Amino acid sequence: TGCDLVVASEGSFGAHPSLVFVPGNDEIILLVDKKNNIEIVGR
């Protein structure tokens, strides 16, 4: 796109990281601001 501000998401499913025998959903939202050299993660 030529944009310098973008957002992407990624999800994972499997064993919960702390409760190993329980299924878990782990979601990441990533904002990258290339112009200001900033990366922010929401999880």
All heavy atoms as atom14 arrays in JSON, in Angstrom:
{
  "sequence": "TGCDLVVASEGSFGAHPSLVFVPGNDEIILLVDKKNNIEIVGR",
  "atom14_mask": [
    [1, 1, 1, 1, 1, 1, 1, 0, 0, 0, 0, 0, 0, 0],
    [1, 1, 1, 1, 0, 0, 0, 0, 0, 0, 0, 0, 0, 0],
    [1, 1, 1, 1, 1, 1, 0, 0, 0, 0, 0, 0, 0, 0],
    [1, 1, 1, 1, 1, 1, 1, 1, 0, 0, 0, 0, 0, 0],
    [1, 1, 1, 1, 1, 1, 1, 1, 0, 0, 0, 0, 0, 0],
    [1, 1, 1, 1, 1, 1, 1, 0, 0, 0, 0, 0, 0, 0],
    [1, 1, 1, 1, 1, 1, 1, 0, 0, 0, 0, 0, 0, 0],
    [1, 1, 1, 1, 1, 0, 0, 0, 0, 0, 0, 0, 0, 0],
    [1, 1, 1, 1, 1, 1, 0, 0, 0, 0, 0, 0, 0, 0],
    [1, 1, 1, 1, 1, 1, 1, 1, 1, 0, 0, 0, 0, 0],
    [1, 1, 1, 1, 0, 0, 0, 0, 0, 0, 0, 0, 0, 0],
    [1, 1, 1, 1, 1, 1, 0, 0, 0, 0, 0, 0, 0, 0],
    [1, 1, 1, 1, 1, 1, 1, 1, 1, 1, 1, 0, 0, 0],
    [1, 1, 1, 1, 0, 0, 0, 0, 0, 0, 0, 0, 0, 0],
    [1, 1, 1, 1, 1, 0, 0, 0, 0, 0, 0, 0, 0, 0],
    [1, 1, 1, 1, 1, 1, 1, 1, 1, 1, 0, 0, 0, 0],
    [1, 1, 1, 1, 1, 1, 1, 0, 0, 0, 0, 0, 0, 0],
    [1, 1, 1, 1, 1, 1, 0, 0, 0, 0, 0, 0, 0, 0],
    [1, 1, 1, 1, 1, 1, 1, 1, 0, 0, 0, 0, 0, 0],
    [1, 1, 1, 1, 1, 1, 1, 0, 0, 0, 0, 0, 0, 0],
    [1, 1, 1, 1, 1, 1, 1, 1, 1, 1, 1, 0, 0, 0],
    [1, 1, 1, 1, 1, 1, 1, 0, 0, 0, 0, 0, 0, 0],
    [1, 1, 1, 1, 1, 1, 1, 0, 0, 0, 0, 0, 0, 0],
    [1, 1, 1, 1, 0, 0, 0, 0, 0, 0, 0, 0, 0, 0],
    [1, 1, 1, 1, 1, 1, 1, 1, 0, 0, 0, 0, 0, 0],
    [1, 1, 1, 1, 1, 1, 1, 1, 0, 0, 0, 0, 0, 0],
    [1, 1, 1, 1, 1, 1, 1, 1, 1, 0, 0, 0, 0, 0],
    [1, 1, 1, 1, 1, 1, 1, 1, 0, 0, 0, 0, 0, 0],
    [1, 1, 1, 1, 1, 1, 1, 1, 0, 0, 0, 0, 0, 0],
    [1, 1, 1, 1, 1, 1, 1, 1, 0, 0, 0, 0, 0, 0],
    [1, 1, 1, 1, 1, 1, 1, 1, 0, 0, 0, 0, 0, 0],
    [1, 1, 1, 1, 1, 1, 1, 0, 0, 0, 0, 0, 0, 0],
    [1, 1, 1, 1, 1, 1, 1, 1, 0, 0, 0, 0, 0, 0],
    [1, 1, 1, 1, 1, 1, 1, 1, 1, 0, 0, 0, 0, 0],
    [1, 1, 1, 1, 1, 1, 1, 1, 1, 0, 0, 0, 0, 0],
    [1, 1, 1, 1, 1, 1, 1, 1, 0, 0, 0, 0, 0, 0],
    [1, 1, 1, 1, 1, 1, 1, 1, 0, 0, 0, 0, 0, 0],
    [1, 1, 1, 1, 1, 1, 1, 1, 0, 0, 0, 0, 0, 0],
    [1, 1, 1, 1, 1, 1, 1, 1, 1, 0, 0, 0, 0, 0],
    [1, 1, 1, 1, 1, 1, 1, 1, 0, 0, 0, 0, 0, 0],
    [1, 1, 1, 1, 1, 1, 1, 0, 0, 0, 0, 0, 0, 0],
    [1, 1, 1, 1, 0, 0, 0, 0, 0, 0, 0, 0, 0, 0],
    [1, 1, 1, 1, 1, 1, 1, 1, 1, 1, 1, 0, 0, 0]
  ],
  "atom14_positions": [
    [[0.8, -1.23, 0.0], [0.0, 0.0, 0.0], [0.82, 1.27, 0.0], [0.3, 2.34, -0.32], [-0.92, 0.05, 1.23], [-0.11, 0.11, 2.42], [-1.84, -1.17, 1.28], [0.0, 0.0, 0.0], [0.0, 0.0, 0.0], [0.0, 0.0, 0.0], [0.0, 0.0, 0.0], [0.0, 0.0, 0.0], [0.0, 0.0, 0.0], [0.0, 0.0, 0.0]],
    [[2.08, 1.17, 0.42], [2.89, 2.38, 0.56], [2.6, 3.13, 1.85], [3.16, 4.19, 2.1], [0.0, 0.0, 0.0], [0.0, 0.0, 0.0], [0.0, 0.0, 0.0], [0.0, 0.0, 0.0], [0.0, 0.0, 0.0], [0.0, 0.0, 0.0], [0.0, 0.0, 0.0], [0.0, 0.0, 0.0], [0.0, 0.0, 0.0], [0.0, 0.0, 0.0]],
    [[1.72, 2.59, 2.67], [1.38, 3.22, 3.95], [2.5, 2.98, 4.96], [3.19, 1.97, 4.9], [0.07, 2.66, 4.5], [-1.37, 3.04, 3.5], [0.0, 0.0, 0.0], [0.0, 0.0, 0.0], [0.0, 0.0, 0.0], [0.0, 0.0, 0.0], [0.0, 0.0, 0.0], [0.0, 0.0, 0.0], [0.0, 0.0, 0.0], [0.0, 0.0, 0.0]],
    [[2.64, 3.91, 5.92], [3.65, 3.72, 6.96], [3.03, 3.47, 8.32], [3.71, 3.39, 9.32], [4.61, 4.92, 7.02], [3.9, 6.24, 7.27], [2.69, 6.22, 7.6], [4.54, 7.29, 7.14], [0.0, 0.0, 0.0], [0.0, 0.0, 0.0], [0.0, 0.0, 0.0], [0.0, 0.0, 0.0], [0.0, 0.0, 0.0], [0.0, 0.0, 0.0]],
    [[1.7, 3.3, 8.35], [0.96, 2.99, 9.57], [0.04, 1.82, 9.26], [-0.87, 1.94, 8.43], [0.14, 4.19, 10.03], [-0.63, 4.05, 11.34], [0.32, 3.89, 12.52], [-1.53, 5.25, 11.55], [0.0, 0.0, 0.0], [0.0, 0.0, 0.0], [0.0, 0.0, 0.0], [0.0, 0.0, 0.0], [0.0, 0.0, 0.0], [0.0, 0.0, 0.0]],
    [[0.29, 0.66, 9.88], [-0.48, -0.55, 9.57], [-0.84, -1.31, 10.84], [-0.18, -1.17, 11.87], [0.28, -1.49, 8.61], [0.47, -0.87, 7.25], [1.62, -1.9, 9.19], [0.0, 0.0, 0.0], [0.0, 0.0, 0.0], [0.0, 0.0, 0.0], [0.0, 0.0, 0.0], [0.0, 0.0, 0.0], [0.0, 0.0, 0.0], [0.0, 0.0, 0.0]],
    [[-1.9, -2.1, 10.73], [-2.34, -2.96, 11.83], [-2.53, -4.37, 11.27], [-3.07, -4.53, 10.17], [-3.68, -2.46, 12.43], [-4.18, -3.42, 13.5], [-3.54, -1.07, 12.99], [0.0, 0.0, 0.0], [0.0, 0.0, 0.0], [0.0, 0.0, 0.0], [0.0, 0.0, 0.0], [0.0, 0.0, 0.0], [0.0, 0.0, 0.0], [0.0, 0.0, 0.0]],
    [[-2.11, -5.37, 12.02], [-2.32, -6.77, 11.63], [-2.68, -7.58, 12.87], [-2.37, -7.18, 14.0], [-1.06, -7.33, 10.98], [0.0, 0.0, 0.0], [0.0, 0.0, 0.0], [0.0, 0.0, 0.0], [0.0, 0.0, 0.0], [0.0, 0.0, 0.0], [0.0, 0.0, 0.0], [0.0, 0.0, 0.0], [0.0, 0.0, 0.0], [0.0, 0.0, 0.0]],
    [[-3.33, -8.7, 12.64], [-3.68, -9.59, 13.75], [-3.21, -11.0, 13.44], [-3.03, -11.37, 12.28], [-5.18, -9.56, 14.0], [-5.86, -10.16, 12.92], [0.0, 0.0, 0.0], [0.0, 0.0, 0.0], [0.0, 0.0, 0.0], [0.0, 0.0, 0.0], [0.0, 0.0, 0.0], [0.0, 0.0, 0.0], [0.0, 0.0, 0.0], [0.0, 0.0, 0.0]],
    [[-3.06, -11.77, 14.5], [-2.7, -13.18, 14.36], [-3.24, -13.93, 15.57], [-3.11, -13.47, 16.7], [-1.18, -13.36, 14.26], [-0.74, -14.77, 13.99], [-1.16, -15.33, 12.64], [-1.64, -14.57, 11.76], [-1.01, -16.55, 12.45], [0.0, 0.0, 0.0], [0.0, 0.0, 0.0], [0.0, 0.0, 0.0], [0.0, 0.0, 0.0], [0.0, 0.0, 0.0]],
    [[-3.87, -15.05, 15.31], [-4.43, -15.85, 16.39], [-3.88, -17.26, 16.42], [-3.45, -17.78, 15.39], [0.0, 0.0, 0.0], [0.0, 0.0, 0.0], [0.0, 0.0, 0.0], [0.0, 0.0, 0.0], [0.0, 0.0, 0.0], [0.0, 0.0, 0.0], [0.0, 0.0, 0.0], [0.0, 0.0, 0.0], [0.0, 0.0, 0.0], [0.0, 0.0, 0.0]],
    [[-3.89, -17.85, 17.6], [-3.42, -19.22, 17.79], [-4.39, -19.96, 18.7], [-4.98, -19.35, 19.6], [-2.04, -19.24, 18.44], [-1.11, -18.56, 17.67], [0.0, 0.0, 0.0], [0.0, 0.0, 0.0], [0.0, 0.0, 0.0], [0.0, 0.0, 0.0], [0.0, 0.0, 0.0], [0.0, 0.0, 0.0], [0.0, 0.0, 0.0], [0.0, 0.0, 0.0]],
    [[-4.48, -21.27, 18.49], [-5.35, -22.11, 19.31], [-4.59, -23.36, 19.7], [-3.78, -23.88, 18.94], [-6.61, -22.5, 18.53], [-7.43, -21.31, 18.17], [-7.19, -20.62, 17.0], [-8.4, -20.84, 19.04], [-7.92, -19.5, 16.68], [-9.13, -19.72, 18.73], [-8.89, -19.05, 17.55], [0.0, 0.0, 0.0], [0.0, 0.0, 0.0], [0.0, 0.0, 0.0]],
    [[-4.86, -23.83, 20.89], [-4.21, -25.03, 21.4], [-4.29, -25.02, 22.91], [-5.18, -24.4, 23.49], [0.0, 0.0, 0.0], [0.0, 0.0, 0.0], [0.0, 0.0, 0.0], [0.0, 0.0, 0.0], [0.0, 0.0, 0.0], [0.0, 0.0, 0.0], [0.0, 0.0, 0.0], [0.0, 0.0, 0.0], [0.0, 0.0, 0.0], [0.0, 0.0, 0.0]],
    [[-3.34, -25.65, 23.55], [-3.32, -25.69, 25.01], [-3.07, -24.28, 25.55], [-2.21, -23.56, 25.06], [-2.24, -26.63, 25.5], [0.0, 0.0, 0.0], [0.0, 0.0, 0.0], [0.0, 0.0, 0.0], [0.0, 0.0, 0.0], [0.0, 0.0, 0.0], [0.0, 0.0, 0.0], [0.0, 0.0, 0.0], [0.0, 0.0, 0.0], [0.0, 0.0, 0.0]],
    [[-3.85, -23.9, 26.54], [-3.66, -22.61, 27.21], [-2.25, -22.59, 27.81], [-1.79, -23.61, 28.35], [-4.72, -22.44, 28.3], [-4.74, -21.11, 28.94], [-3.85, -20.75, 29.93], [-5.54, -20.03, 28.73], [-4.1, -19.52, 30.31], [-5.11, -19.06, 29.6], [0.0, 0.0, 0.0], [0.0, 0.0, 0.0], [0.0, 0.0, 0.0], [0.0, 0.0, 0.0]],
    [[-1.52, -21.46, 27.74], [-0.14, -21.44, 28.23], [0.02, -21.77, 29.72], [1.05, -22.3, 30.13], [0.34, -20.02, 27.93], [-0.83, -19.26, 27.48], [-1.94, -20.21, 27.17], [0.0, 0.0, 0.0], [0.0, 0.0, 0.0], [0.0, 0.0, 0.0], [0.0, 0.0, 0.0], [0.0, 0.0, 0.0], [0.0, 0.0, 0.0], [0.0, 0.0, 0.0]],
    [[-0.99, -21.46, 30.53], [-0.9, -21.74, 31.97], [-1.71, -22.96, 32.39], [-1.34, -23.68, 33.31], [-1.42, -20.55, 32.79], [-0.79, -19.38, 32.39], [0.0, 0.0, 0.0], [0.0, 0.0, 0.0], [0.0, 0.0, 0.0], [0.0, 0.0, 0.0], [0.0, 0.0, 0.0], [0.0, 0.0, 0.0], [0.0, 0.0, 0.0], [0.0, 0.0, 0.0]],
    [[-2.83, -23.17, 31.74], [-3.74, -24.27, 32.07], [-3.62, -25.32, 30.96], [-4.47, -25.42, 30.09], [-5.18, -23.75, 32.16], [-5.38, -22.49, 33.01], [-6.74, -21.88, 32.78], [-5.18, -22.84, 34.48], [0.0, 0.0, 0.0], [0.0, 0.0, 0.0], [0.0, 0.0, 0.0], [0.0, 0.0, 0.0], [0.0, 0.0, 0.0], [0.0, 0.0, 0.0]],
    [[-2.58, -26.11, 31.02], [-2.17, -26.96, 29.9], [-3.24, -27.88, 29.34], [-3.23, -28.17, 28.16], [-0.94, -27.82, 30.28], [-0.02, -27.95, 29.11], [-0.2, -27.27, 31.46], [0.0, 0.0, 0.0], [0.0, 0.0, 0.0], [0.0, 0.0, 0.0], [0.0, 0.0, 0.0], [0.0, 0.0, 0.0], [0.0, 0.0, 0.0], [0.0, 0.0, 0.0]],
    [[-4.18, -28.32, 30.15], [-5.2, -29.25, 29.67], [-6.48, -28.55, 29.24], [-7.48, -29.21, 28.96], [-5.5, -30.31, 30.75], [-4.3, -31.13, 31.07], [-3.62, -30.97, 32.27], [-3.82, -32.06, 30.16], [-2.49, -31.72, 32.56], [-2.69, -32.82, 30.44], [-2.02, -32.65, 31.65], [0.0, 0.0, 0.0], [0.0, 0.0, 0.0], [0.0, 0.0, 0.0]],
    [[-6.44, -27.22, 29.15], [-7.6, -26.43, 28.76], [-7.3, -25.76, 27.42], [-6.23, -25.17, 27.25], [-7.9, -25.35, 29.84], [-9.04, -24.46, 29.43], [-8.17, -26.01, 31.18], [0.0, 0.0, 0.0], [0.0, 0.0, 0.0], [0.0, 0.0, 0.0], [0.0, 0.0, 0.0], [0.0, 0.0, 0.0], [0.0, 0.0, 0.0], [0.0, 0.0, 0.0]],
    [[-8.23, -25.84, 26.46], [-8.0, -25.16, 25.18], [-7.94, -23.65, 25.37], [-8.68, -23.09, 26.17], [-9.18, -25.56, 24.31], [-10.0, -26.51, 25.09], [-9.48, -26.58, 26.48], [0.0, 0.0, 0.0], [0.0, 0.0, 0.0], [0.0, 0.0, 0.0], [0.0, 0.0, 0.0], [0.0, 0.0, 0.0], [0.0, 0.0, 0.0], [0.0, 0.0, 0.0]],
    [[-7.06, -23.02, 24.63], [-6.91, -21.57, 24.73], [-6.89, -20.89, 23.38], [-6.57, -21.49, 22.36], [0.0, 0.0, 0.0], [0.0, 0.0, 0.0], [0.0, 0.0, 0.0], [0.0, 0.0, 0.0], [0.0, 0.0, 0.0], [0.0, 0.0, 0.0], [0.0, 0.0, 0.0], [0.0, 0.0, 0.0], [0.0, 0.0, 0.0], [0.0, 0.0, 0.0]],
    [[-7.28, -19.63, 23.4], [-7.25, -18.75, 22.22], [-6.33, -17.59, 22.56], [-6.56, -16.88, 23.52], [-8.67, -18.26, 21.9], [-8.73, -17.22, 20.81], [-9.29, -16.19, 20.97], [-8.18, -17.48, 19.68], [0.0, 0.0, 0.0], [0.0, 0.0, 0.0], [0.0, 0.0, 0.0], [0.0, 0.0, 0.0], [0.0, 0.0, 0.0], [0.0, 0.0, 0.0]],
    [[-5.27, -17.42, 21.77], [-4.27, -16.37, 21.98], [-4.32, -15.44, 20.78], [-4.04, -15.86, 19.66], [-2.89, -17.01, 22.13], [-1.8, -16.03, 22.53], [-2.06, -14.82, 22.58], [-0.68, -16.51, 22.78], [0.0, 0.0, 0.0], [0.0, 0.0, 0.0], [0.0, 0.0, 0.0], [0.0, 0.0, 0.0], [0.0, 0.0, 0.0], [0.0, 0.0, 0.0]],
    [[-4.7, -14.19, 21.0], [-4.83, -13.22, 19.91], [-3.85, -12.07, 20.09], [-3.68, -11.55, 21.19], [-6.25, -12.64, 19.86], [-7.33, -13.65, 19.54], [-7.29, -14.19, 18.12], [-6.63, -13.59, 17.24], [-7.93, -15.24, 17.89], [0.0, 0.0, 0.0], [0.0, 0.0, 0.0], [0.0, 0.0, 0.0], [0.0, 0.0, 0.0], [0.0, 0.0, 0.0]],
    [[-3.22, -11.69, 18.99], [-2.29, -10.56, 18.97], [-2.78, -9.57, 17.93], [-3.12, -9.94, 16.8], [-0.87, -11.03, 18.59], [-0.28, -11.86, 19.73], [0.04, -9.85, 18.26], [1.07, -12.47, 19.41], [0.0, 0.0, 0.0], [0.0, 0.0, 0.0], [0.0, 0.0, 0.0], [0.0, 0.0, 0.0], [0.0, 0.0, 0.0], [0.0, 0.0, 0.0]],
    [[-2.81, -8.29, 18.32], [-3.06, -7.19, 17.39], [-1.79, -6.34, 17.42], [-1.35, -5.92, 18.5], [-4.27, -6.32, 17.82], [-5.52, -7.18, 18.02], [-4.51, -5.21, 16.81], [-6.1, -7.78, 16.78], [0.0, 0.0, 0.0], [0.0, 0.0, 0.0], [0.0, 0.0, 0.0], [0.0, 0.0, 0.0], [0.0, 0.0, 0.0], [0.0, 0.0, 0.0]],
    [[-1.23, -6.1, 16.26], [0.03, -5.36, 16.17], [-0.17, -4.1, 15.34], [-0.7, -4.16, 14.23], [1.1, -6.23, 15.52], [2.45, -5.58, 15.25], [3.15, -5.2, 16.55], [3.33, -6.52, 14.42], [0.0, 0.0, 0.0], [0.0, 0.0, 0.0], [0.0, 0.0, 0.0], [0.0, 0.0, 0.0], [0.0, 0.0, 0.0], [0.0, 0.0, 0.0]],
    [[0.23, -2.96, 15.9], [0.23, -1.69, 15.18], [1.69, -1.29, 14.94], [2.47, -1.27, 15.9], [-0.48, -0.6, 15.98], [-0.54, 0.76, 15.29], [-1.9, 1.41, 15.51], [0.56, 1.69, 15.78], [0.0, 0.0, 0.0], [0.0, 0.0, 0.0], [0.0, 0.0, 0.0], [0.0, 0.0, 0.0], [0.0, 0.0, 0.0], [0.0, 0.0, 0.0]],
    [[2.04, -1.02, 13.69], [3.38, -0.58, 13.35], [3.29, 0.8, 12.72], [2.55, 1.01, 11.76], [4.09, -1.56, 12.39], [5.43, -1.01, 11.94], [4.27, -2.92, 13.05], [0.0, 0.0, 0.0], [0.0, 0.0, 0.0], [0.0, 0.0, 0.0], [0.0, 0.0, 0.0], [0.0, 0.0, 0.0], [0.0, 0.0, 0.0], [0.0, 0.0, 0.0]],
    [[4.02, 1.75, 13.31], [4.15, 3.11, 12.8], [5.6, 3.26, 12.33], [6.49, 3.52, 13.13], [3.81, 4.11, 13.9], [3.93, 5.56, 13.46], [4.55, 5.84, 12.41], [3.39, 6.43, 14.18], [0.0, 0.0, 0.0], [0.0, 0.0, 0.0], [0.0, 0.0, 0.0], [0.0, 0.0, 0.0], [0.0, 0.0, 0.0], [0.0, 0.0, 0.0]],
    [[5.82, 3.04, 11.05], [7.18, 3.04, 10.49], [7.81, 4.44, 10.57], [8.99, 4.57, 10.87], [7.12, 2.56, 9.04], [8.43, 2.27, 8.42], [8.92, 0.93, 8.87], [9.99, 0.41, 7.92], [10.45, -0.89, 8.29], [0.0, 0.0, 0.0], [0.0, 0.0, 0.0], [0.0, 0.0, 0.0], [0.0, 0.0, 0.0], [0.0, 0.0, 0.0]],
    [[7.01, 5.47, 10.33], [7.51, 6.84, 10.31], [8.1, 7.23, 11.67], [9.14, 7.87, 11.74], [6.38, 7.8, 9.92], [6.83, 9.24, 9.75], [5.76, 10.06, 9.06], [4.92, 10.78, 10.07], [3.88, 11.62, 9.46], [0.0, 0.0, 0.0], [0.0, 0.0, 0.0], [0.0, 0.0, 0.0], [0.0, 0.0, 0.0], [0.0, 0.0, 0.0]],
    [[7.44, 6.83, 12.74], [7.89, 7.17, 14.09], [8.63, 6.03, 14.77], [8.94, 6.12, 15.97], [6.7, 7.62, 14.94], [6.09, 8.89, 14.39], [6.76, 9.91, 14.33], [4.83, 8.82, 13.96], [0.0, 0.0, 0.0], [0.0, 0.0, 0.0], [0.0, 0.0, 0.0], [0.0, 0.0, 0.0], [0.0, 0.0, 0.0], [0.0, 0.0, 0.0]],
    [[8.83, 4.93, 14.05], [9.54, 3.76, 14.57], [8.91, 3.24, 15.87], [9.59, 3.04, 16.88], [11.03, 4.08, 14.77], [11.86, 2.81, 14.85], [11.47, 1.78, 14.31], [12.97, 2.89, 15.55], [0.0, 0.0, 0.0], [0.0, 0.0, 0.0], [0.0, 0.0, 0.0], [0.0, 0.0, 0.0], [0.0, 0.0, 0.0], [0.0, 0.0, 0.0]],
    [[7.58, 3.05, 15.81], [6.82, 2.58, 16.98], [6.12, 1.27, 16.63], [5.57, 1.12, 15.54], [5.76, 3.63, 17.4], [6.42, 4.93, 17.83], [4.87, 3.08, 18.51], [5.44, 6.06, 18.05], [0.0, 0.0, 0.0], [0.0, 0.0, 0.0], [0.0, 0.0, 0.0], [0.0, 0.0, 0.0], [0.0, 0.0, 0.0], [0.0, 0.0, 0.0]],
    [[6.14, 0.35, 17.59], [5.41, -0.9, 17.48], [4.64, -1.09, 18.78], [5.22, -1.03, 19.86], [6.39, -2.06, 17.27], [5.72, -3.4, 17.16], [6.71, -4.53, 16.95], [7.22, -4.66, 15.83], [6.96, -5.28, 17.92], [0.0, 0.0, 0.0], [0.0, 0.0, 0.0], [0.0, 0.0, 0.0], [0.0, 0.0, 0.0], [0.0, 0.0, 0.0]],
    [[3.33, -1.31, 18.65], [2.48, -1.52, 19.83], [1.74, -2.84, 19.66], [1.16, -3.1, 18.61], [1.46, -0.36, 20.01], [2.18, 0.98, 20.1], [0.61, -0.6, 21.25], [1.24, 2.17, 20.04], [0.0, 0.0, 0.0], [0.0, 0.0, 0.0], [0.0, 0.0, 0.0], [0.0, 0.0, 0.0], [0.0, 0.0, 0.0], [0.0, 0.0, 0.0]],
    [[1.76, -3.66, 20.73], [1.11, -4.97, 20.69], [-0.02, -5.0, 21.7], [0.15, -4.62, 22.85], [2.11, -6.1, 21.02], [1.41, -7.45, 21.04], [3.26, -6.11, 20.03], [0.0, 0.0, 0.0], [0.0, 0.0, 0.0], [0.0, 0.0, 0.0], [0.0, 0.0, 0.0], [0.0, 0.0, 0.0], [0.0, 0.0, 0.0], [0.0, 0.0, 0.0]],
    [[-1.18, -5.45, 21.25], [-2.28, -5.77, 22.15], [-2.46, -7.27, 22.12], [-2.44, -7.89, 21.05], [0.0, 0.0, 0.0], [0.0, 0.0, 0.0], [0.0, 0.0, 0.0], [0.0, 0.0, 0.0], [0.0, 0.0, 0.0], [0.0, 0.0, 0.0], [0.0, 0.0, 0.0], [0.0, 0.0, 0.0], [0.0, 0.0, 0.0], [0.0, 0.0, 0.0]],
    [[-2.6, -7.89, 23.29], [-2.71, -9.35, 23.35], [-3.8, -9.75, 24.33], [-3.94, -9.16, 25.39], [-1.38, -9.95, 23.79], [-1.36, -11.46, 23.78], [0.0, -12.0, 24.15], [0.04, -13.45, 24.04], [0.95, -14.2, 24.6], [1.93, -13.65, 25.3], [0.91, -15.51, 24.47], [0.0, 0.0, 0.0], [0.0, 0.0, 0.0], [0.0, 0.0, 0.0]]
  ]
}
